[in-house]
């Protein structure tokens, strides 16, 4: 199969029709659309079965997270390329064709192409055009918050945003898929960074437009979301940063940690301390995973240095 689309859903029944309708309008005839429902219990399974009979439904008994959901869909539906789309996002007309054209035209070892993701509000502010890398080695949603009237050039970026992207299956196989321990948030940051060290590249295509209602499935759980983002960022840095990266970025890393700990200890947010506690608890697993994928490989040591600070506002 040349192309398959994947939507990982959890309690997304209200948003899912928008995503599926846009996919069915854009996907080539016969190309499968896969919905992985992760124990939603909100009618998602019934919705897909009753109104989207042509969609391949994988009804999971537990919520194992975004990365695990994508990995299950890839196992169930082999394809050369995978279009990832959040259930609270939808493709505008021509988006898939623009992504496919960019992936065809960007050269060898292109792991993914990111679209221009805008908010659904009338002003159409930007959510992302791929991701960059901050000076403290965290992910940066490129052009986030910029006005809808802005115009952008495409080109190479550090990585792709998980809300929507067209992925080359060879990159996923090369990397062994997403790290399922992240559960949700920052999985694409980890995968992009890891893949770059293996020689894969990533591009953004602003002609491909996607709308995204940000954090639809985690609405009302802001502290939980911040906890996931922060814990997983720490894991991604531990897993992927080289000695050169840390030597160049240590001042920014220390400053970031000191500010975060001050905020957490002052009672600003319990999630700040919880994220660091749990990141430390998972340190052994993260280091073991790092040793596993580095073993015997000729990896780039300078990818982060090359991209550090690109797209970051100061």
Protein backbone atom coordinates (compact mmCIF):
# COMPACT_ATOMS: atom_id res chain seq x y z
CA UNK A 1 0.00 0.00 0.00
CA UNK A 2 1.40 3.40 -0.99
CA UNK A 3 -0.35 5.54 1.63
CA UNK A 4 -2.38 5.15 4.82
CA UNK A 5 -3.79 7.74 7.21
CA UNK A 6 -3.70 7.29 10.98
CA UNK A 7 -5.85 9.00 13.61
CA UNK A 8 -5.23 8.12 17.27
CA UNK A 9 -8.33 8.99 19.28
CA UNK A 10 -9.12 9.20 22.97
CA UNK A 11 -12.44 10.75 24.01
CA UNK A 12 -12.56 12.56 20.69
CA UNK A 13 -16.02 11.65 19.42
CA UNK A 14 -17.08 15.29 19.13
CA UNK A 15 -14.07 16.25 17.01
CA UNK A 16 -13.47 13.08 15.02
CA UNK A 17 -15.98 13.63 12.17
CA UNK A 18 -14.13 16.75 11.06
CA UNK A 19 -10.85 14.86 10.84
CA UNK A 20 -12.34 11.83 9.10
CA UNK A 21 -14.42 13.81 6.62
CA UNK A 22 -11.36 15.79 5.56
CA UNK A 23 -9.28 12.62 5.20
CA UNK A 24 -11.90 10.86 3.11
CA UNK A 25 -12.07 13.90 0.84
CA UNK A 26 -8.29 14.07 0.38
CA UNK A 27 -7.09 10.45 0.39
CA UNK A 28 -6.73 8.57 -2.91
CA UNK A 29 -9.39 5.99 -3.69
CA UNK A 30 -8.68 2.76 -1.87
CA UNK A 31 -6.09 4.23 0.50
CA UNK A 32 -6.91 3.10 4.05
CA UNK A 33 -7.83 5.39 6.91
CA UNK A 34 -7.09 3.87 10.33
CA UNK A 35 -8.64 5.04 13.59
CA UNK A 36 -7.04 3.74 16.78
CA UNK A 37 -9.51 4.27 19.61
CA UNK A 38 -7.84 4.07 22.99
CA UNK A 39 -10.59 3.03 25.38
CA UNK A 40 -12.49 6.29 24.91
CA UNK A 41 -15.86 5.16 26.21
CA UNK A 42 -17.45 8.25 24.66
CA UNK A 43 -19.08 6.72 21.62
CA UNK A 44 -16.06 6.94 19.33
CA UNK A 45 -16.18 3.23 18.45
CA UNK A 46 -19.91 3.34 17.75
CA UNK A 47 -19.51 6.52 15.67
CA UNK A 48 -16.86 4.99 13.43
CA UNK A 49 -18.73 1.71 13.02
CA UNK A 50 -22.04 3.36 12.18
CA UNK A 51 -20.97 6.32 10.03
CA UNK A 52 -17.53 5.44 8.68
CA UNK A 53 -17.82 1.81 7.65
CA UNK A 54 -14.89 2.10 5.26
CA UNK A 55 -12.51 3.17 8.00
CA UNK A 56 -10.31 0.53 9.64
CA UNK A 57 -11.06 0.67 13.37
CA UNK A 58 -8.62 -0.63 15.96
CA UNK A 59 -10.50 -0.57 19.27
CA UNK A 60 -7.97 -0.78 22.10
CA UNK A 61 -8.92 -1.93 25.59
CA UNK A 62 -6.56 0.57 27.28
CA UNK A 63 -5.27 4.07 26.63
CA UNK A 64 -1.63 3.39 25.83
CA UNK A 65 -0.81 6.82 24.41
CA UNK A 66 -0.24 8.49 21.06
CA UNK A 67 3.02 6.80 20.11
CA UNK A 68 1.71 3.35 20.95
CA UNK A 69 -1.42 4.05 18.92
CA UNK A 70 0.58 5.02 15.85
CA UNK A 71 2.81 1.98 16.23
CA UNK A 72 -0.24 -0.32 16.39
CA UNK A 73 -1.70 1.22 13.25
CA UNK A 74 1.59 0.85 11.38
CA UNK A 75 1.73 -2.83 12.36
CA UNK A 76 -1.86 -3.40 11.26
CA UNK A 77 -1.67 -1.49 7.98
CA UNK A 78 1.67 -1.65 6.13
CA UNK A 79 2.24 1.28 3.76
CA UNK A 80 5.05 3.27 2.20
CA UNK A 81 3.86 6.54 3.74
CA UNK A 82 1.68 7.47 6.69
CA UNK A 83 -0.36 10.62 7.09
CA UNK A 84 -0.76 11.39 10.79
CA UNK A 85 -3.67 13.59 11.82
CA UNK A 86 -4.96 14.49 15.27
CA UNK A 87 -8.67 13.87 15.82
CA UNK A 88 -9.11 17.58 16.60
CA UNK A 89 -7.49 18.63 13.30
CA UNK A 90 -8.62 18.61 9.69
CA UNK A 91 -7.04 18.98 6.27
CA UNK A 92 -7.87 21.90 4.03
CA UNK A 93 -8.36 21.14 0.34
CA UNK A 94 -5.13 20.21 -1.43
CA UNK A 95 -3.13 19.70 1.78
CA UNK A 96 -2.31 16.06 1.15
CA UNK A 97 -1.25 16.67 -2.45
CA UNK A 98 1.07 19.47 -1.29
CA UNK A 99 2.63 17.25 1.38
CA UNK A 100 3.12 14.37 -1.05
CA UNK A 101 4.66 16.67 -3.64
CA UNK A 102 7.08 18.06 -1.07
CA UNK A 103 8.07 14.60 0.14
CA UNK A 104 8.69 13.57 -3.48
CA UNK A 105 10.78 16.64 -4.22
CA UNK A 106 12.95 17.08 -1.14
CA UNK A 107 15.55 14.43 -1.93
CA UNK A 108 16.78 11.32 -0.17
CA UNK A 109 16.25 10.32 3.46
CA UNK A 110 13.44 12.75 4.17
CA UNK A 111 11.65 11.32 7.19
CA UNK A 112 8.60 13.58 7.17
CA UNK A 113 7.06 16.76 5.80
CA UNK A 114 5.17 19.07 8.15
CA UNK A 115 2.21 21.19 6.99
CA UNK A 116 1.31 24.71 8.03
CA UNK A 117 -0.98 24.17 11.02
CA UNK A 118 -3.29 27.05 11.87
CA UNK A 119 -5.86 27.56 14.62
CA UNK A 120 -9.52 27.30 13.61
CA UNK A 121 -10.43 30.80 14.85
CA UNK A 122 -11.16 33.49 12.23
CA UNK A 123 -7.74 35.13 12.62
CA UNK A 124 -6.10 31.79 11.72
CA UNK A 125 -3.07 32.22 13.93
CA UNK A 126 -0.29 29.72 13.37
CA UNK A 127 0.04 26.65 15.56
CA UNK A 128 3.22 25.35 13.90
CA UNK A 129 5.16 24.91 10.69
CA UNK A 130 7.27 22.03 11.96
CA UNK A 131 9.46 22.24 15.05
CA UNK A 132 12.79 23.86 15.83
CA UNK A 133 15.23 23.46 18.72
CA UNK A 134 15.68 26.01 21.48
CA UNK A 135 19.01 27.02 23.00
CA UNK A 136 18.10 24.94 26.05
CA UNK A 137 17.48 21.93 23.77
CA UNK A 138 13.70 21.96 23.93
CA UNK A 139 11.20 21.87 21.05
CA UNK A 140 9.97 25.10 19.47
CA UNK A 141 6.77 25.19 17.42
CA UNK A 142 7.95 27.26 14.48
CA UNK A 143 6.00 30.48 13.79
CA UNK A 144 3.57 29.68 16.62
CA UNK A 145 1.18 32.54 17.33
CA UNK A 146 2.00 34.49 14.19
CA UNK A 147 -0.95 36.17 12.42
CA UNK A 148 -2.99 34.33 9.84
CA UNK A 149 -2.13 36.88 7.16
CA UNK A 150 1.57 36.00 7.38
CA UNK A 151 3.22 34.15 4.50
CA UNK A 152 5.97 31.60 4.97
CA UNK A 153 8.64 29.88 2.94
CA UNK A 154 9.05 26.13 3.09
CA UNK A 155 12.32 24.38 3.70
CA UNK A 156 14.20 22.16 6.10
CA UNK A 157 13.22 22.16 9.78
CA UNK A 158 14.48 20.28 12.83
CA UNK A 159 11.44 18.01 13.01
CA UNK A 160 7.72 17.51 12.52
CA UNK A 161 4.76 18.33 14.75
CA UNK A 162 2.56 15.43 15.80
CA UNK A 163 -0.73 17.19 15.05
CA UNK A 164 -0.26 16.50 11.34
CA UNK A 165 2.56 15.24 9.14
CA UNK A 166 3.31 12.93 6.23
CA UNK A 167 5.89 10.32 7.28
CA UNK A 168 8.11 7.99 5.28
CA UNK A 169 7.62 4.45 6.59
CA UNK A 170 11.31 3.70 6.10
CA UNK A 171 12.18 6.29 8.74
CA UNK A 172 9.70 4.73 11.17
CA UNK A 173 11.15 1.28 10.59
CA UNK A 174 14.70 2.57 10.91
CA UNK A 175 13.85 4.15 14.27
CA UNK A 176 11.66 1.33 15.54
CA UNK A 177 8.63 3.62 15.66
CA UNK A 178 7.67 6.02 18.42
CA UNK A 179 8.90 5.58 22.00
CA UNK A 180 5.74 4.36 23.72
CA UNK A 181 6.93 5.27 27.22
CA UNK A 182 6.36 8.97 26.47
CA UNK A 183 2.59 8.28 26.49
CA UNK A 184 1.70 11.62 24.93
CA UNK A 185 3.48 14.85 23.97
CA UNK A 186 7.08 15.26 22.77
CA UNK A 187 7.13 11.83 21.06
CA UNK A 188 7.61 13.51 17.69
CA UNK A 189 10.38 15.69 19.13
CA UNK A 190 12.20 12.61 20.39
CA UNK A 191 11.69 10.74 17.12
CA UNK A 192 12.78 13.70 14.97
CA UNK A 193 15.96 14.23 17.00
CA UNK A 194 16.83 10.54 17.03
CA UNK A 195 16.16 10.21 13.29
CA UNK A 196 18.34 13.22 12.52
CA UNK A 197 21.24 11.51 14.24
CA UNK A 198 20.69 8.62 11.81
CA UNK A 199 20.86 10.93 8.81
CA UNK A 200 17.15 11.59 8.22
CA UNK A 201 15.93 15.11 7.42
CA UNK A 202 12.63 16.93 7.84
CA UNK A 203 10.92 19.62 5.81
CA UNK A 204 7.95 21.98 6.10
CA UNK A 205 5.47 22.78 3.33
CA UNK A 206 3.34 25.90 3.97
CA UNK A 207 1.14 25.20 0.93
CA UNK A 208 -0.30 22.26 2.89
CA UNK A 209 -2.80 23.78 5.30
CA UNK A 210 -4.22 22.01 8.35
CA UNK A 211 -6.52 23.44 11.02
CA UNK A 212 -6.05 22.32 14.62
CA UNK A 213 -8.14 22.91 17.72
CA UNK A 214 -5.19 22.78 20.10
CA UNK A 215 -5.30 20.26 22.97
CA UNK A 216 -8.80 19.11 22.17
CA UNK A 217 -8.42 15.72 23.86
CA UNK A 218 -6.72 17.17 26.96
CA UNK A 219 -8.96 20.20 27.41
CA UNK A 220 -9.47 21.02 31.09
CA UNK A 221 -6.33 19.13 32.16
CA UNK A 222 -3.70 21.82 31.79
CA UNK A 223 -1.48 20.75 34.70
CA UNK A 224 -1.46 17.13 33.49
CA UNK A 225 -0.53 18.35 30.01
CA UNK A 226 2.30 20.53 31.34
CA UNK A 227 3.59 17.60 33.39
CA UNK A 228 3.68 15.33 30.32
CA UNK A 229 5.39 17.98 28.22
CA UNK A 230 8.08 18.64 30.81
CA UNK A 231 8.83 15.06 31.84
CA UNK A 232 9.06 13.97 28.22
CA UNK A 233 11.25 16.93 27.25
CA UNK A 234 13.73 15.89 29.94
CA UNK A 235 13.68 12.32 28.67
CA UNK A 236 14.19 13.44 25.06
CA UNK A 237 17.23 15.54 25.99
CA UNK A 238 18.72 12.72 28.06
CA UNK A 239 18.13 10.25 25.27
CA UNK A 240 19.41 12.29 22.34
CA UNK A 241 21.76 15.11 23.40
CA UNK A 242 25.44 14.47 22.77
CA UNK A 243 28.33 15.68 24.90
CA UNK A 244 28.87 18.49 22.42
CA UNK A 245 25.23 19.52 22.70
CA UNK A 246 25.44 19.69 26.49
CA UNK A 247 28.76 21.54 26.45
CA UNK A 248 27.30 24.22 24.18
CA UNK A 249 23.97 24.49 25.98
CA UNK A 250 24.83 23.97 29.64
CA UNK A 251 24.25 27.60 30.65
CA UNK A 252 20.78 27.67 29.13
CA UNK A 253 19.97 24.24 30.59
CA UNK A 254 21.04 25.28 34.10
CA UNK A 255 19.17 28.58 33.86
CA UNK A 256 16.02 26.80 32.69
CA UNK A 257 16.19 24.23 35.49
CA UNK A 258 16.85 26.82 38.20
CA UNK A 259 13.90 28.92 37.07
CA UNK A 260 11.62 25.88 36.89
CA UNK A 261 12.62 24.63 40.34
CA UNK A 262 12.14 28.08 41.87
CA UNK A 263 8.66 28.19 40.39
CA UNK A 264 7.80 24.71 41.62
CA UNK A 265 9.25 25.17 45.11
CA UNK A 266 7.44 28.48 45.50
CA UNK A 267 4.17 26.60 45.12
CA UNK A 268 3.53 27.78 41.60
CA UNK A 269 2.85 24.33 40.21
CA UNK A 270 3.24 20.85 41.65
CA UNK A 271 3.69 19.41 38.16
CA UNK A 272 7.12 21.04 37.86
CA UNK A 273 8.54 18.91 40.67
CA UNK A 274 6.51 15.83 39.74
CA UNK A 275 7.85 15.93 36.18
CA UNK A 276 11.44 15.98 37.42
CA UNK A 277 10.83 13.28 40.00
CA UNK A 278 9.32 10.96 37.41
CA UNK A 279 11.89 11.83 34.75
CA UNK A 280 14.57 10.79 37.23
CA UNK A 281 12.69 7.59 38.05
CA UNK A 282 12.74 6.67 34.36
CA UNK A 283 16.39 7.58 33.85
CA UNK A 284 17.66 3.99 33.77
CA UNK A 285 15.22 3.01 31.04
CA UNK A 286 16.02 6.11 28.98
CA UNK A 287 19.77 5.53 29.17
CA UNK A 288 19.32 1.87 28.29
CA UNK A 289 17.26 2.85 25.25
CA UNK A 290 19.94 5.35 24.25
CA UNK A 291 22.68 2.73 24.46
CA UNK A 292 20.55 0.33 22.44
CA UNK A 293 20.00 2.62 19.47
CA UNK A 294 23.56 4.02 19.51
CA UNK A 295 25.23 0.61 19.59
CA UNK A 296 27.28 -0.02 16.48
CA UNK A 297 25.82 2.96 14.61
CA UNK A 298 27.64 5.77 12.83
CA UNK A 299 25.63 8.67 14.20
CA UNK A 300 25.85 12.41 13.67
CA UNK A 301 27.14 14.26 16.71
CA UNK A 302 26.35 17.78 15.50
CA UNK A 303 22.68 17.76 14.44
CA UNK A 304 21.46 19.61 17.53
CA UNK A 305 24.29 22.13 17.34
CA UNK A 306 23.38 22.87 13.73
CA UNK A 307 19.75 23.58 14.62
CA UNK A 308 20.09 25.00 18.12
CA UNK A 309 18.24 28.30 18.44
CA UNK A 310 16.72 28.17 14.94
CA UNK A 311 13.21 29.59 15.13
CA UNK A 312 13.53 30.62 18.78
CA UNK A 313 12.56 34.15 19.72
CA UNK A 314 14.70 35.91 22.31
